[in-house]
Amino acid sequence: MTAASDRETELGLRRQVGWLSALLGNLAYHLDDRAGARTHLTLAGALGESIQEPALTAWASGALAMVATARCDWHHACQHAQLEVTWHFSLGSDTDIELDPRSPRDNPDWPATGGLVHRNHRRPARIATSYPKLLRVEGRDIHVVDLDADEGTPVIDLAPVFQEMLPRGTLHQPEWPTDMLRDYWKHADERP
C-alpha cells in the first residue's frame, strides 16, 4: 500500500464513521436520549470538518441546533443558527411592479436594469430574503438583528444558514450595488 492509498482509506473510514455517528445521533434524539444525540452529532460534525465534508458538517450542525432547541437550550441553539429569512413585501402594491429597465433609485450614474435585478418591493412576487443574526428565542418569539423588514412583515420561512450552502467561490457583482448600499446598515439618522 502506498501513503496515498492509506490516506484515502483513512478518509473513507472517517467519512463512514461520521455519517454513522450522525445517524446514531438522530436515532438517539428520537429515542429521547438528548445527551447521546449531542455526543454523536458533535463527533459527526468534528469528523465532517476534519475530512472537509461540508454536507456532513452542515447536517450535524443543523441537528445539534434541533437538539438544543428541543432542550430549550437557546444559547447552544443560537450558536448553530445564522438565519435565512424569506419574507413578503406586504406594504408594497401589486400595481407597483416594475419589470422594465430603470436605473436603481433613479440615479443616472447607475445602469438601467430590469426589475428582476432589483431587490425591492417592485419585484413580481414581492418576496425578499434576509440573513439576520439570531440573538435569542423566548417561547415562540425569535429575536434577531439585521432583518431588513418592516415591523409586522409576514415571514414566509426561516432556516439556519450553513457556510457550505452559500454560493461557492468569489461573489461577482457590478460596482453600483456597493455604491448604492454603502450605508445600508447605518441608522437612518447617520445616512447621507
C-alpha atoms as a PDB file:
ATOM      1  CA  MET A   1       0.000   0.000   0.000  1.00  0.00           C
ATOM      2  CA  THR A   2       1.169   3.483  -0.735  1.00  0.00           C
ATOM      3  CA  ALA A   3       0.847   6.537   1.516  1.00  0.00           C
ATOM      4  CA  ALA A   4      -1.802   7.956  -0.850  1.00  0.00           C
ATOM      5  CA  SER A   5      -3.988   4.840  -0.611  1.00  0.00           C
ATOM      6  CA  ASP A   6      -3.535   4.791   3.190  1.00  0.00           C
ATOM      7  CA  ARG A   7      -4.761   8.395   3.323  1.00  0.00           C
ATOM      8  CA  GLU A   8      -7.669   7.567   1.018  1.00  0.00           C
ATOM      9  CA  THR A   9      -8.638   4.614   3.233  1.00  0.00           C
ATOM     10  CA  GLU A  10      -8.403   6.798   6.346  1.00  0.00           C
ATOM     11  CA  LEU A  11     -10.640   9.480   4.806  1.00  0.00           C
ATOM     12  CA  GLY A  12     -13.162   6.846   3.724  1.00  0.00           C
ATOM     13  CA  LEU A  13     -13.303   5.358   7.217  1.00  0.00           C
ATOM     14  CA  ARG A  14     -13.658   8.798   8.834  1.00  0.00           C
ATOM     15  CA  ARG A  15     -16.480   9.620   6.397  1.00  0.00           C
ATOM     16  CA  GLN A  16     -18.291   6.355   7.208  1.00  0.00           C
ATOM     17  CA  VAL A  17     -17.849   6.820  10.971  1.00  0.00           C
ATOM     18  CA  GLY A  18     -19.008  10.436  10.657  1.00  0.00           C
ATOM     19  CA  TRP A  19     -22.231   9.546   8.848  1.00  0.00           C
ATOM     20  CA  LEU A  20     -22.843   6.562  11.129  1.00  0.00           C
ATOM     21  CA  SER A  21     -22.388   8.837  14.143  1.00  0.00           C
ATOM     22  CA  ALA A  22     -24.788  11.372  12.590  1.00  0.00           C
ATOM     23  CA  LEU A  23     -27.411   8.641  12.129  1.00  0.00           C
ATOM     24  CA  LEU A  24     -26.877   7.384  15.679  1.00  0.00           C
ATOM     25  CA  GLY A  25     -27.285  10.952  16.909  1.00  0.00           C
ATOM     26  CA  ASN A  26     -30.563  11.224  15.014  1.00  0.00           C
ATOM     27  CA  LEU A  27     -31.742   7.895  16.469  1.00  0.00           C
ATOM     28  CA  ALA A  28     -30.729   8.955  19.993  1.00  0.00           C
ATOM     29  CA  TYR A  29     -32.693  12.200  19.571  1.00  0.00           C
ATOM     30  CA  HIS A  30     -35.845  10.327  18.547  1.00  0.00           C
ATOM     31  CA  LEU A  31     -35.376   7.890  21.447  1.00  0.00           C
ATOM     32  CA  ASP A  32     -35.306  10.950  23.758  1.00  0.00           C
ATOM     33  CA  ASP A  33     -31.611  10.475  24.636  1.00  0.00           C
ATOM     34  CA  ARG A  34     -30.514  14.092  24.275  1.00  0.00           C
ATOM     35  CA  ALA A  35     -27.044  13.524  25.787  1.00  0.00           C
ATOM     36  CA  GLY A  36     -26.386  10.644  23.385  1.00  0.00           C
ATOM     37  CA  ALA A  37     -27.650  12.734  20.482  1.00  0.00           C
ATOM     38  CA  ARG A  38     -25.313  15.620  21.388  1.00  0.00           C
ATOM     39  CA  THR A  39     -22.340  13.276  21.733  1.00  0.00           C
ATOM     40  CA  HIS A  40     -22.857  11.531  18.388  1.00  0.00           C
ATOM     41  CA  LEU A  41     -23.712  14.728  16.492  1.00  0.00           C
ATOM     42  CA  THR A  42     -20.722  16.597  17.915  1.00  0.00           C
ATOM     43  CA  LEU A  43     -18.451  13.751  16.776  1.00  0.00           C
ATOM     44  CA  ALA A  44     -20.114  13.747  13.342  1.00  0.00           C
ATOM     45  CA  GLY A  45     -19.541  17.496  12.986  1.00  0.00           C
ATOM     46  CA  ALA A  46     -15.904  17.212  14.045  1.00  0.00           C
ATOM     47  CA  LEU A  47     -15.278  14.370  11.596  1.00  0.00           C
ATOM     48  CA  GLY A  48     -17.028  16.313   8.838  1.00  0.00           C
ATOM     49  CA  GLU A  49     -14.700  19.256   9.438  1.00  0.00           C
ATOM     50  CA  SER A  50     -11.590  17.067   9.663  1.00  0.00           C
ATOM     51  CA  ILE A  51     -12.236  15.444   6.272  1.00  0.00           C
ATOM     52  CA  GLN A  52     -13.674  18.612   4.709  1.00  0.00           C
ATOM     53  CA  GLU A  53     -17.073  17.046   4.068  1.00  0.00           C
ATOM     54  CA  PRO A  54     -19.424  20.072   4.037  1.00  0.00           C
ATOM     55  CA  ALA A  55     -22.645  18.057   3.823  1.00  0.00           C
ATOM     56  CA  LEU A  56     -21.791  16.068   6.965  1.00  0.00           C
ATOM     57  CA  THR A  57     -20.710  19.181   8.870  1.00  0.00           C
ATOM     58  CA  ALA A  58     -23.859  21.090   7.884  1.00  0.00           C
ATOM     59  CA  TRP A  59     -26.145  18.171   8.667  1.00  0.00           C
ATOM     60  CA  ALA A  60     -24.605  17.637  12.120  1.00  0.00           C
ATOM     61  CA  SER A  61     -24.735  21.370  12.898  1.00  0.00           C
ATOM     62  CA  GLY A  62     -28.413  21.597  11.950  1.00  0.00           C
ATOM     63  CA  ALA A  63     -29.238  18.509  14.004  1.00  0.00           C
ATOM     64  CA  LEU A  64     -27.342  19.932  17.008  1.00  0.00           C
ATOM     65  CA  ALA A  65     -29.466  23.083  16.760  1.00  0.00           C
ATOM     66  CA  MET A  66     -32.572  20.871  16.726  1.00  0.00           C
ATOM     67  CA  VAL A  67     -31.391  19.007  19.856  1.00  0.00           C
ATOM     68  CA  ALA A  68     -30.570  22.262  21.649  1.00  0.00           C
ATOM     69  CA  THR A  69     -33.958  23.724  20.714  1.00  0.00           C
ATOM     70  CA  ALA A  70     -35.780  20.629  21.990  1.00  0.00           C
ATOM     71  CA  ARG A  71     -33.994  21.054  25.328  1.00  0.00           C
ATOM     72  CA  CYS A  72     -34.876  24.783  25.336  1.00  0.00           C
ATOM     73  CA  ASP A  73     -31.129  25.398  25.406  1.00  0.00           C
ATOM     74  CA  TRP A  74     -31.372  28.587  23.374  1.00  0.00           C
ATOM     75  CA  HIS A  75     -27.742  29.563  23.950  1.00  0.00           C
ATOM     76  CA  HIS A  76     -26.480  26.473  22.117  1.00  0.00           C
ATOM     77  CA  ALA A  77     -29.247  26.649  19.514  1.00  0.00           C
ATOM     78  CA  CYS A  78     -28.148  30.209  18.713  1.00  0.00           C
ATOM     79  CA  GLN A  79     -24.565  29.063  18.192  1.00  0.00           C
ATOM     80  CA  HIS A  80     -25.743  26.907  15.310  1.00  0.00           C
ATOM     81  CA  ALA A  81     -28.098  29.331  13.623  1.00  0.00           C
ATOM     82  CA  GLN A  82     -27.409  32.321  11.464  1.00  0.00           C
ATOM     83  CA  LEU A  83     -30.813  32.616   9.858  1.00  0.00           C
ATOM     84  CA  GLU A  84     -32.074  32.924   6.327  1.00  0.00           C
ATOM     85  CA  VAL A  85     -35.486  34.585   6.468  1.00  0.00           C
ATOM     86  CA  THR A  86     -37.834  34.739   3.488  1.00  0.00           C
ATOM     87  CA  TRP A  87     -40.483  37.413   3.857  1.00  0.00           C
ATOM     88  CA  HIS A  88     -43.179  39.260   1.905  1.00  0.00           C
ATOM     89  CA  PHE A  89     -43.124  42.954   0.982  1.00  0.00           C
ATOM     90  CA  SER A  90     -46.660  43.256   2.382  1.00  0.00           C
ATOM     91  CA  LEU A  91     -46.626  47.076   2.298  1.00  0.00           C
ATOM     92  CA  GLY A  92     -45.972  47.053  -1.451  1.00  0.00           C
ATOM     93  CA  SER A  93     -48.695  47.027  -4.066  1.00  0.00           C
ATOM     94  CA  ASP A  94     -49.371  44.726  -6.997  1.00  0.00           C
ATOM     95  CA  THR A  95     -49.915  47.883  -9.056  1.00  0.00           C
ATOM     96  CA  ASP A  96     -46.312  48.992  -8.351  1.00  0.00           C
ATOM     97  CA  ILE A  97     -44.483  46.060 -10.009  1.00  0.00           C
ATOM     98  CA  GLU A  98     -41.655  47.282 -12.266  1.00  0.00           C
ATOM     99  CA  LEU A  99     -40.165  44.943 -14.860  1.00  0.00           C
ATOM    100  CA  ASP A 100     -38.957  47.487 -17.412  1.00  0.00           C
ATOM    101  CA  PRO A 101     -35.327  48.625 -17.241  1.00  0.00           C
ATOM    102  CA  ARG A 102     -34.723  51.554 -14.920  1.00  0.00           C
ATOM    103  CA  SER A 103     -31.764  52.982 -13.025  1.00  0.00           C
ATOM    104  CA  PRO A 104     -31.650  51.945  -9.361  1.00  0.00           C
ATOM    105  CA  ARG A 105     -33.097  54.725  -7.212  1.00  0.00           C
ATOM    106  CA  ASP A 106     -33.446  56.740 -10.431  1.00  0.00           C
ATOM    107  CA  ASN A 107     -29.730  57.532 -10.291  1.00  0.00           C
ATOM    108  CA  PRO A 108     -28.492  58.149 -13.872  1.00  0.00           C
ATOM    109  CA  ASP A 109     -24.953  57.161 -12.798  1.00  0.00           C
ATOM    110  CA  TRP A 110     -26.152  53.574 -12.388  1.00  0.00           C
ATOM    111  CA  PRO A 111     -27.191  51.458 -15.380  1.00  0.00           C
ATOM    112  CA  ALA A 112     -30.818  50.800 -16.205  1.00  0.00           C
ATOM    113  CA  THR A 113     -31.603  47.185 -15.347  1.00  0.00           C
ATOM    114  CA  GLY A 114     -34.748  45.063 -15.407  1.00  0.00           C
ATOM    115  CA  GLY A 115     -36.970  44.523 -12.379  1.00  0.00           C
ATOM    116  CA  LEU A 116     -35.516  41.122 -11.534  1.00  0.00           C
ATOM    117  CA  VAL A 117     -32.107  42.710 -10.863  1.00  0.00           C
ATOM    118  CA  HIS A 118     -33.517  44.960  -8.134  1.00  0.00           C
ATOM    119  CA  ARG A 119     -34.049  43.756  -4.570  1.00  0.00           C
ATOM    120  CA  ASN A 120     -37.069  45.825  -3.563  1.00  0.00           C
ATOM    121  CA  HIS A 121     -40.867  45.739  -3.319  1.00  0.00           C
ATOM    122  CA  ARG A 122     -41.283  46.182  -7.084  1.00  0.00           C
ATOM    123  CA  ARG A 123     -40.324  42.565  -7.827  1.00  0.00           C
ATOM    124  CA  PRO A 124     -43.155  40.439  -9.317  1.00  0.00           C
ATOM    125  CA  ALA A 125     -43.644  38.165  -6.282  1.00  0.00           C
ATOM    126  CA  ARG A 126     -42.721  40.885  -3.728  1.00  0.00           C
ATOM    127  CA  ILE A 127     -40.653  38.312  -1.803  1.00  0.00           C
ATOM    128  CA  ALA A 128     -37.308  39.060  -0.165  1.00  0.00           C
ATOM    129  CA  THR A 129     -34.604  37.152   1.678  1.00  0.00           C
ATOM    130  CA  SER A 130     -32.508  38.456   4.575  1.00  0.00           C
ATOM    131  CA  TYR A 131     -29.752  36.921   6.670  1.00  0.00           C
ATOM    132  CA  PRO A 132     -30.260  38.190  10.234  1.00  0.00           C
ATOM    133  CA  LYS A 133     -28.287  37.050  13.255  1.00  0.00           C
ATOM    134  CA  LEU A 134     -30.284  35.110  15.824  1.00  0.00           C
ATOM    135  CA  LEU A 135     -29.968  36.765  19.240  1.00  0.00           C
ATOM    136  CA  ARG A 136     -32.308  34.723  21.403  1.00  0.00           C
ATOM    137  CA  VAL A 137     -35.531  32.764  21.499  1.00  0.00           C
ATOM    138  CA  GLU A 138     -38.228  33.396  24.104  1.00  0.00           C
ATOM    139  CA  GLY A 139     -41.041  30.892  23.790  1.00  0.00           C
ATOM    140  CA  ARG A 140     -42.272  31.316  20.211  1.00  0.00           C
ATOM    141  CA  ASP A 141     -40.626  34.732  19.796  1.00  0.00           C
ATOM    142  CA  ILE A 142     -37.396  34.826  17.824  1.00  0.00           C
ATOM    143  CA  HIS A 143     -35.210  37.904  18.366  1.00  0.00           C
ATOM    144  CA  VAL A 144     -32.845  38.848  15.538  1.00  0.00           C
ATOM    145  CA  VAL A 145     -30.720  41.748  14.365  1.00  0.00           C
ATOM    146  CA  ASP A 146     -30.231  42.883  10.742  1.00  0.00           C
ATOM    147  CA  LEU A 147     -33.607  41.733   9.434  1.00  0.00           C
ATOM    148  CA  ASP A 148     -34.308  44.488   6.923  1.00  0.00           C
ATOM    149  CA  ALA A 149     -38.098  44.237   7.015  1.00  0.00           C
ATOM    150  CA  ASP A 150     -40.767  46.494   8.497  1.00  0.00           C
ATOM    151  CA  GLU A 151     -42.474  45.706  11.812  1.00  0.00           C
ATOM    152  CA  GLY A 152     -45.297  43.217  11.230  1.00  0.00           C
ATOM    153  CA  THR A 153     -43.907  41.923   7.914  1.00  0.00           C
ATOM    154  CA  PRO A 154     -45.205  38.398   7.183  1.00  0.00           C
ATOM    155  CA  VAL A 155     -42.410  35.811   7.385  1.00  0.00           C
ATOM    156  CA  ILE A 156     -42.788  33.019   4.856  1.00  0.00           C
ATOM    157  CA  ASP A 157     -39.936  30.799   6.041  1.00  0.00           C
ATOM    158  CA  LEU A 158     -36.802  30.760   8.133  1.00  0.00           C
ATOM    159  CA  ALA A 159     -33.926  28.320   8.116  1.00  0.00           C
ATOM    160  CA  PRO A 160     -30.410  28.079   9.523  1.00  0.00           C
ATOM    161  CA  VAL A 161     -27.611  29.246   7.240  1.00  0.00           C
ATOM    162  CA  PHE A 162     -24.668  26.930   6.704  1.00  0.00           C
ATOM    163  CA  GLN A 163     -21.450  28.222   5.172  1.00  0.00           C
ATOM    164  CA  GLU A 164     -21.354  25.155   2.937  1.00  0.00           C
ATOM    165  CA  MET A 165     -24.687  26.082   1.335  1.00  0.00           C
ATOM    166  CA  LEU A 166     -23.772  29.664   0.481  1.00  0.00           C
ATOM    167  CA  PRO A 167     -22.512  30.474  -3.024  1.00  0.00           C
ATOM    168  CA  ARG A 168     -19.139  28.879  -3.677  1.00  0.00           C
ATOM    169  CA  GLY A 169     -16.186  30.910  -4.804  1.00  0.00           C
ATOM    170  CA  THR A 170     -15.872  34.645  -5.143  1.00  0.00           C
ATOM    171  CA  LEU A 171     -19.047  36.687  -5.426  1.00  0.00           C
ATOM    172  CA  HIS A 172     -19.024  38.856  -8.547  1.00  0.00           C
ATOM    173  CA  GLN A 173     -21.200  41.934  -8.888  1.00  0.00           C
ATOM    174  CA  PRO A 174     -21.077  45.283 -10.648  1.00  0.00           C
ATOM    175  CA  GLU A 175     -19.864  48.358  -8.771  1.00  0.00           C
ATOM    176  CA  TRP A 176     -23.234  50.108  -8.463  1.00  0.00           C
ATOM    177  CA  PRO A 177     -24.722  47.851  -5.712  1.00  0.00           C
ATOM    178  CA  THR A 178     -21.692  48.526  -3.497  1.00  0.00           C
ATOM    179  CA  ASP A 179     -22.029  52.236  -4.165  1.00  0.00           C
ATOM    180  CA  MET A 180     -25.793  52.210  -3.578  1.00  0.00           C
ATOM    181  CA  LEU A 181     -25.703  50.073  -0.409  1.00  0.00           C
ATOM    182  CA  ARG A 182     -22.590  51.505   1.234  1.00  0.00           C
ATOM    183  CA  ASP A 183     -24.619  52.942   4.150  1.00  0.00           C
ATOM    184  CA  TYR A 184     -27.396  50.332   4.108  1.00  0.00           C
ATOM    185  CA  TRP A 185     -26.923  49.102   7.680  1.00  0.00           C
ATOM    186  CA  LYS A 186     -26.381  52.526   9.201  1.00  0.00           C
ATOM    187  CA  HIS A 187     -29.153  54.046  11.292  1.00  0.00           C
ATOM    188  CA  ALA A 188     -31.370  56.384   9.222  1.00  0.00           C
ATOM    189  CA  ASP A 189     -30.016  59.390  11.163  1.00  0.00           C
ATOM    190  CA  GLU A 190     -26.456  58.501  10.074  1.00  0.00           C
ATOM    191  CA  ARG A 191     -27.132  58.107   6.342  1.00  0.00           C
ATOM    192  CA  PRO A 192     -26.289  60.903   3.890  1.00  0.00           C
END
